[in-house]
N, C-alpha and C. Protein backbone atom coordinates (compact mmCIF):
# COMPACT_ATOMS: atom_id res chain seq x y z
N MET A 1 4.17 28.48 -19.12
CA MET A 1 3.47 27.23 -18.97
C MET A 1 4.46 26.07 -18.83
N LEU A 2 5.57 26.14 -19.58
CA LEU A 2 6.59 25.11 -19.50
C LEU A 2 7.23 25.07 -18.12
N ILE A 3 7.42 26.22 -17.53
CA ILE A 3 8.00 26.30 -16.18
C ILE A 3 7.03 25.69 -15.17
N GLY A 4 5.74 25.92 -15.34
CA GLY A 4 4.74 25.35 -14.45
C GLY A 4 4.72 23.83 -14.51
N LEU A 5 4.81 23.28 -15.72
CA LEU A 5 4.85 21.83 -15.89
C LEU A 5 6.13 21.25 -15.29
N ALA A 6 7.23 21.94 -15.47
CA ALA A 6 8.51 21.47 -14.90
C ALA A 6 8.45 21.49 -13.38
N LEU A 7 7.85 22.52 -12.80
CA LEU A 7 7.70 22.58 -11.34
C LEU A 7 6.80 21.47 -10.83
N LEU A 8 5.70 21.21 -11.54
CA LEU A 8 4.79 20.14 -11.14
C LEU A 8 5.48 18.78 -11.23
N ALA A 9 6.24 18.56 -12.31
CA ALA A 9 6.97 17.30 -12.47
C ALA A 9 8.02 17.15 -11.38
N GLY A 10 8.73 18.22 -11.06
CA GLY A 10 9.73 18.18 -9.99
C GLY A 10 9.10 17.90 -8.63
N TYR A 11 8.00 18.55 -8.35
CA TYR A 11 7.28 18.34 -7.08
C TYR A 11 6.81 16.88 -6.98
N THR A 12 6.24 16.36 -8.05
CA THR A 12 5.76 14.97 -8.06
C THR A 12 6.91 14.00 -7.85
N TRP A 13 8.04 14.23 -8.50
CA TRP A 13 9.21 13.36 -8.34
C TRP A 13 9.68 13.36 -6.88
N VAL A 14 9.74 14.54 -6.26
CA VAL A 14 10.17 14.63 -4.87
C VAL A 14 9.21 13.89 -3.96
N MET A 15 7.91 14.06 -4.16
CA MET A 15 6.92 13.41 -3.29
C MET A 15 6.93 11.88 -3.45
N LEU A 16 7.26 11.40 -4.65
CA LEU A 16 7.33 9.95 -4.87
C LEU A 16 8.61 9.34 -4.30
N ASN A 17 9.68 10.11 -4.24
CA ASN A 17 10.96 9.59 -3.77
C ASN A 17 11.27 9.92 -2.32
N TRP A 18 10.52 10.80 -1.71
CA TRP A 18 10.70 11.16 -0.32
C TRP A 18 9.56 10.57 0.49
N SER A 19 9.92 9.82 1.51
CA SER A 19 8.90 9.16 2.32
C SER A 19 8.61 9.98 3.57
N TYR A 20 7.35 10.33 3.76
CA TYR A 20 6.92 11.07 4.96
C TYR A 20 7.02 10.19 6.19
N GLY A 21 6.66 8.92 6.03
CA GLY A 21 6.71 7.99 7.14
C GLY A 21 6.82 6.57 6.61
N SER A 22 7.17 5.66 7.50
CA SER A 22 7.25 4.25 7.11
C SER A 22 6.89 3.41 8.32
N GLY A 23 6.54 2.15 8.06
CA GLY A 23 6.18 1.28 9.15
C GLY A 23 5.76 -0.08 8.67
N GLU A 24 5.12 -0.80 9.57
CA GLU A 24 4.67 -2.15 9.27
C GLU A 24 3.32 -2.36 9.92
N ARG A 25 2.43 -3.04 9.22
CA ARG A 25 1.10 -3.36 9.75
C ARG A 25 0.88 -4.86 9.56
N ALA A 26 0.26 -5.49 10.55
CA ALA A 26 0.02 -6.93 10.49
C ALA A 26 -1.47 -7.21 10.48
N GLY A 27 -1.85 -8.24 9.79
CA GLY A 27 -3.25 -8.64 9.73
C GLY A 27 -3.49 -9.58 8.56
N TYR A 28 -4.71 -9.56 8.06
CA TYR A 28 -5.12 -10.46 6.99
C TYR A 28 -5.59 -9.62 5.80
N VAL A 29 -4.98 -9.85 4.63
CA VAL A 29 -5.42 -9.15 3.43
C VAL A 29 -6.76 -9.73 3.03
N GLN A 30 -7.80 -8.88 3.06
CA GLN A 30 -9.14 -9.38 2.74
C GLN A 30 -9.64 -8.89 1.39
N LYS A 31 -8.94 -7.94 0.80
CA LYS A 31 -9.35 -7.45 -0.51
C LYS A 31 -8.08 -6.98 -1.23
N PHE A 32 -7.93 -7.39 -2.50
CA PHE A 32 -6.75 -6.99 -3.26
C PHE A 32 -7.08 -7.07 -4.74
N SER A 33 -6.95 -5.95 -5.44
CA SER A 33 -7.32 -5.94 -6.86
C SER A 33 -6.49 -4.92 -7.63
N ASN A 34 -6.40 -5.14 -8.94
CA ASN A 34 -5.70 -4.25 -9.85
C ASN A 34 -6.76 -3.34 -10.48
N ARG A 35 -6.70 -2.04 -10.15
CA ARG A 35 -7.78 -1.13 -10.56
C ARG A 35 -7.25 0.11 -11.26
N GLY A 36 -8.16 0.76 -11.97
CA GLY A 36 -7.87 2.03 -12.61
C GLY A 36 -8.20 2.01 -14.08
N TYR A 37 -8.69 3.13 -14.59
CA TYR A 37 -9.01 3.23 -16.01
C TYR A 37 -7.74 3.39 -16.85
N ILE A 38 -6.93 4.37 -16.50
CA ILE A 38 -5.72 4.64 -17.26
C ILE A 38 -4.50 4.15 -16.50
N CYS A 39 -4.38 4.57 -15.25
CA CYS A 39 -3.25 4.20 -14.40
C CYS A 39 -3.66 3.03 -13.52
N LYS A 40 -3.26 1.83 -13.89
CA LYS A 40 -3.60 0.63 -13.11
C LYS A 40 -2.66 0.51 -11.91
N THR A 41 -3.26 0.36 -10.73
CA THR A 41 -2.48 0.13 -9.52
C THR A 41 -3.14 -1.00 -8.73
N TRP A 42 -2.36 -1.66 -7.92
CA TRP A 42 -2.88 -2.69 -7.03
C TRP A 42 -3.34 -2.01 -5.76
N GLU A 43 -4.59 -2.21 -5.40
CA GLU A 43 -5.18 -1.61 -4.20
C GLU A 43 -5.65 -2.72 -3.28
N GLY A 44 -5.40 -2.56 -1.98
CA GLY A 44 -5.78 -3.60 -1.05
C GLY A 44 -6.30 -3.09 0.26
N GLU A 45 -6.80 -4.04 1.02
CA GLU A 45 -7.39 -3.75 2.33
C GLU A 45 -6.90 -4.83 3.30
N LEU A 46 -6.26 -4.39 4.38
CA LEU A 46 -5.74 -5.29 5.40
C LEU A 46 -6.62 -5.17 6.63
N ALA A 47 -7.15 -6.31 7.10
CA ALA A 47 -7.94 -6.32 8.34
C ALA A 47 -7.00 -6.58 9.50
N MET A 48 -6.92 -5.61 10.40
CA MET A 48 -6.04 -5.73 11.58
C MET A 48 -6.91 -6.01 12.79
N VAL A 49 -6.68 -7.14 13.45
CA VAL A 49 -7.44 -7.52 14.62
C VAL A 49 -6.52 -7.44 15.82
N SER A 50 -6.85 -6.57 16.77
CA SER A 50 -5.99 -6.41 17.95
C SER A 50 -6.27 -7.47 19.00
N MET A 51 -7.54 -7.83 19.19
CA MET A 51 -7.92 -8.86 20.16
C MET A 51 -9.05 -9.68 19.56
N PRO A 52 -9.06 -11.00 19.82
CA PRO A 52 -10.16 -11.82 19.30
C PRO A 52 -11.50 -11.31 19.81
N GLY A 53 -12.48 -11.28 18.93
CA GLY A 53 -13.82 -10.83 19.30
C GLY A 53 -14.06 -9.35 19.13
N THR A 54 -13.04 -8.58 18.78
CA THR A 54 -13.22 -7.14 18.58
C THR A 54 -13.34 -6.84 17.09
N MET A 55 -13.86 -5.68 16.79
CA MET A 55 -13.98 -5.24 15.40
C MET A 55 -12.59 -5.02 14.82
N SER A 56 -12.42 -5.43 13.57
CA SER A 56 -11.12 -5.23 12.93
C SER A 56 -11.01 -3.82 12.38
N GLU A 57 -9.82 -3.28 12.46
CA GLU A 57 -9.52 -1.98 11.86
C GLU A 57 -9.01 -2.26 10.45
N LYS A 58 -9.37 -1.42 9.49
CA LYS A 58 -8.95 -1.63 8.11
C LYS A 58 -7.82 -0.68 7.76
N PHE A 59 -6.82 -1.22 7.08
CA PHE A 59 -5.69 -0.45 6.58
C PHE A 59 -5.72 -0.57 5.06
N PHE A 60 -5.95 0.55 4.38
CA PHE A 60 -6.02 0.59 2.92
C PHE A 60 -4.63 0.91 2.39
N PHE A 61 -4.21 0.19 1.33
CA PHE A 61 -2.85 0.36 0.82
C PHE A 61 -2.80 0.22 -0.69
N THR A 62 -1.67 0.65 -1.25
CA THR A 62 -1.39 0.58 -2.68
C THR A 62 -0.08 -0.17 -2.89
N VAL A 63 0.00 -0.94 -3.97
CA VAL A 63 1.24 -1.65 -4.33
C VAL A 63 1.60 -1.28 -5.76
N HIS A 64 2.85 -0.84 -5.96
CA HIS A 64 3.32 -0.50 -7.30
C HIS A 64 4.12 -1.63 -7.93
N ASP A 65 4.81 -2.41 -7.14
CA ASP A 65 5.70 -3.46 -7.62
C ASP A 65 4.91 -4.74 -7.88
N ASP A 66 4.94 -5.23 -9.13
CA ASP A 66 4.19 -6.44 -9.48
C ASP A 66 4.69 -7.67 -8.72
N ALA A 67 5.97 -7.73 -8.39
CA ALA A 67 6.51 -8.87 -7.63
C ALA A 67 5.92 -8.91 -6.23
N VAL A 68 5.78 -7.75 -5.59
CA VAL A 68 5.16 -7.68 -4.26
C VAL A 68 3.67 -8.03 -4.37
N ALA A 69 3.02 -7.57 -5.42
CA ALA A 69 1.60 -7.90 -5.63
C ALA A 69 1.41 -9.40 -5.79
N GLN A 70 2.30 -10.07 -6.50
CA GLN A 70 2.22 -11.53 -6.66
C GLN A 70 2.38 -12.23 -5.31
N LYS A 71 3.30 -11.74 -4.47
CA LYS A 71 3.49 -12.33 -3.14
C LYS A 71 2.24 -12.17 -2.28
N ILE A 72 1.62 -11.00 -2.37
CA ILE A 72 0.39 -10.76 -1.61
C ILE A 72 -0.72 -11.70 -2.10
N ASN A 73 -0.87 -11.80 -3.42
CA ASN A 73 -1.89 -12.70 -3.98
C ASN A 73 -1.66 -14.15 -3.57
N ALA A 74 -0.40 -14.56 -3.49
CA ALA A 74 -0.07 -15.94 -3.12
C ALA A 74 -0.34 -16.22 -1.65
N ASN A 75 -0.46 -15.18 -0.83
CA ASN A 75 -0.64 -15.37 0.61
C ASN A 75 -1.94 -14.80 1.14
N LEU A 76 -2.94 -14.66 0.28
CA LEU A 76 -4.25 -14.20 0.73
C LEU A 76 -4.82 -15.18 1.75
N GLY A 77 -5.40 -14.67 2.80
CA GLY A 77 -5.98 -15.51 3.84
C GLY A 77 -5.02 -15.90 4.95
N LYS A 78 -3.74 -15.58 4.78
CA LYS A 78 -2.74 -15.87 5.81
C LYS A 78 -2.44 -14.58 6.57
N LYS A 79 -1.97 -14.72 7.80
CA LYS A 79 -1.58 -13.55 8.57
C LYS A 79 -0.24 -13.05 8.04
N VAL A 80 -0.20 -11.78 7.68
CA VAL A 80 0.99 -11.19 7.07
C VAL A 80 1.34 -9.87 7.73
N ALA A 81 2.57 -9.45 7.53
CA ALA A 81 3.02 -8.11 7.91
C ALA A 81 3.39 -7.39 6.62
N LEU A 82 2.81 -6.21 6.44
CA LEU A 82 3.09 -5.41 5.25
C LEU A 82 3.99 -4.24 5.64
N LYS A 83 5.13 -4.13 4.98
CA LYS A 83 6.03 -2.99 5.19
C LYS A 83 5.63 -1.91 4.19
N TYR A 84 5.49 -0.68 4.68
CA TYR A 84 5.00 0.38 3.79
C TYR A 84 5.77 1.68 3.99
N GLN A 85 5.62 2.54 3.00
CA GLN A 85 6.11 3.92 3.07
C GLN A 85 4.93 4.83 2.79
N GLN A 86 4.87 5.94 3.52
CA GLN A 86 3.78 6.89 3.35
C GLN A 86 4.26 8.07 2.51
N HIS A 87 3.54 8.33 1.43
CA HIS A 87 3.86 9.44 0.52
C HIS A 87 2.65 10.37 0.48
N ILE A 88 2.79 11.54 1.09
CA ILE A 88 1.68 12.48 1.13
C ILE A 88 1.85 13.55 0.05
N GLY A 89 0.75 14.17 -0.31
CA GLY A 89 0.80 15.32 -1.20
C GLY A 89 0.97 15.02 -2.67
N LEU A 90 0.69 13.80 -3.10
CA LEU A 90 0.80 13.52 -4.54
C LEU A 90 -0.34 14.22 -5.28
N PRO A 91 -0.06 14.81 -6.44
CA PRO A 91 -1.05 15.65 -7.11
C PRO A 91 -2.24 14.92 -7.73
N THR A 92 -2.11 13.64 -8.03
CA THR A 92 -3.24 12.91 -8.64
C THR A 92 -3.36 11.54 -7.98
N THR A 93 -4.46 10.85 -8.27
CA THR A 93 -4.64 9.48 -7.78
C THR A 93 -4.06 8.47 -8.78
N CYS A 94 -3.36 8.94 -9.78
CA CYS A 94 -2.76 8.05 -10.78
C CYS A 94 -1.69 7.16 -10.15
N PHE A 95 -1.12 7.59 -9.03
CA PHE A 95 -0.09 6.82 -8.34
C PHE A 95 -0.68 5.83 -7.35
N GLY A 96 -1.97 5.90 -7.11
CA GLY A 96 -2.65 4.99 -6.20
C GLY A 96 -3.77 5.71 -5.47
N ASP A 97 -4.70 4.92 -4.94
CA ASP A 97 -5.84 5.48 -4.22
C ASP A 97 -5.46 5.90 -2.80
N THR A 98 -4.35 5.39 -2.29
CA THR A 98 -3.95 5.70 -0.91
C THR A 98 -2.57 6.35 -0.90
N GLU A 99 -2.18 6.81 0.26
CA GLU A 99 -0.83 7.37 0.41
C GLU A 99 0.13 6.36 1.01
N TYR A 100 -0.35 5.13 1.25
CA TYR A 100 0.47 4.07 1.84
C TYR A 100 0.89 3.09 0.76
N PHE A 101 2.19 3.07 0.42
CA PHE A 101 2.71 2.23 -0.65
C PHE A 101 3.45 1.05 -0.02
N VAL A 102 2.91 -0.16 -0.21
CA VAL A 102 3.53 -1.36 0.36
C VAL A 102 4.74 -1.74 -0.47
N THR A 103 5.86 -2.02 0.23
CA THR A 103 7.12 -2.35 -0.44
C THR A 103 7.56 -3.79 -0.20
N ASN A 104 6.98 -4.46 0.82
CA ASN A 104 7.38 -5.83 1.12
C ASN A 104 6.31 -6.52 1.94
N ILE A 105 6.31 -7.84 1.93
CA ILE A 105 5.36 -8.64 2.70
C ILE A 105 6.12 -9.75 3.41
N THR A 106 5.75 -10.02 4.65
CA THR A 106 6.29 -11.13 5.42
C THR A 106 5.12 -11.96 5.92
N VAL A 107 5.17 -13.26 5.68
CA VAL A 107 4.13 -14.15 6.18
C VAL A 107 4.45 -14.48 7.63
N LEU A 108 3.47 -14.27 8.52
CA LEU A 108 3.66 -14.53 9.94
C LEU A 108 3.16 -15.93 10.28
N ASP A 109 3.83 -16.59 11.19
CA ASP A 109 3.46 -17.94 11.61
C ASP A 109 2.37 -17.86 12.65
N ASP A 110 1.15 -18.28 12.29
CA ASP A 110 0.01 -18.23 13.20
C ASP A 110 0.08 -19.25 14.32
N GLN A 111 0.83 -20.31 14.15
CA GLN A 111 0.86 -21.39 15.13
C GLN A 111 1.51 -20.97 16.44
N ASN A 112 2.40 -19.97 16.40
CA ASN A 112 3.08 -19.52 17.62
C ASN A 112 2.35 -18.36 18.30
N GLN A 113 1.21 -17.96 17.78
CA GLN A 113 0.50 -16.81 18.33
C GLN A 113 -0.42 -17.22 19.43
């Protein structure tokens, strides 16, 4: 049983530290909250609009860093770019509701668009 727990812990550590993919998404954060019964994580929803008048696509994300969460909260309603890493195969939702972990935020200047 101890070996099984050690293997699970090792697998979880690898999945948290190895990124399957990374990228950036731009849009407007329309929902952002700190959720969870035991494991509290910041969960958000980014509305991405490709062309005016079209339906927005939603990008669901998780934030672990409180400093990044504060930056997102300070810029709600502004057009932003979220830099993320994708971590697949995590054994529980205790690390977040999504596999997309946001690591940074950049506020985009709407006036030049």
